[in-house]
C-alpha atoms as a PDB file:
ATOM      1  CA  MET A   1      72.244  84.658  42.493  1.00  0.00           C
ATOM      2  CA  PHE A   2      71.644  87.910  44.344  1.00  0.00           C
ATOM      3  CA  ASN A   3      71.557  89.963  41.160  1.00  0.00           C
ATOM      4  CA  SER A   4      69.110  87.528  39.626  1.00  0.00           C
ATOM      5  CA  MET A   5      66.225  89.783  40.649  1.00  0.00           C
ATOM      6  CA  SER A   6      67.857  92.791  38.982  1.00  0.00           C
ATOM      7  CA  ILE A   7      68.785  90.881  35.852  1.00  0.00           C
ATOM      8  CA  LYS A   8      65.531  88.967  35.838  1.00  0.00           C
ATOM      9  CA  SER A   9      63.765  92.193  34.889  1.00  0.00           C
ATOM     10  CA  ASP A  10      66.050  92.495  31.868  1.00  0.00           C
ATOM     11  CA  LEU A  11      66.229  88.822  30.990  1.00  0.00           C
ATOM     12  CA  PHE A  12      62.889  87.717  32.333  1.00  0.00           C
ATOM     13  CA  PRO A  13      62.360  85.034  29.666  1.00  0.00           C
ATOM     14  CA  PHE A  14      65.989  83.959  29.815  1.00  0.00           C
ATOM     15  CA  PHE A  15      66.553  83.960  33.549  1.00  0.00           C
ATOM     16  CA  SER A  16      63.083  82.745  34.406  1.00  0.00           C
ATOM     17  CA  LEU A  17      64.103  79.330  33.061  1.00  0.00           C
ATOM     18  CA  GLN A  18      67.318  79.356  35.091  1.00  0.00           C
ATOM     19  CA  ILE A  19      65.688  80.512  38.337  1.00  0.00           C
ATOM     20  CA  PHE A  20      62.468  78.564  37.987  1.00  0.00           C
END
């Protein structure tokens, strides 16, 4: 989950639900 920040920028709407 370390790359989450880097990927979050690309998949903000997709990862935002997984992280939050």
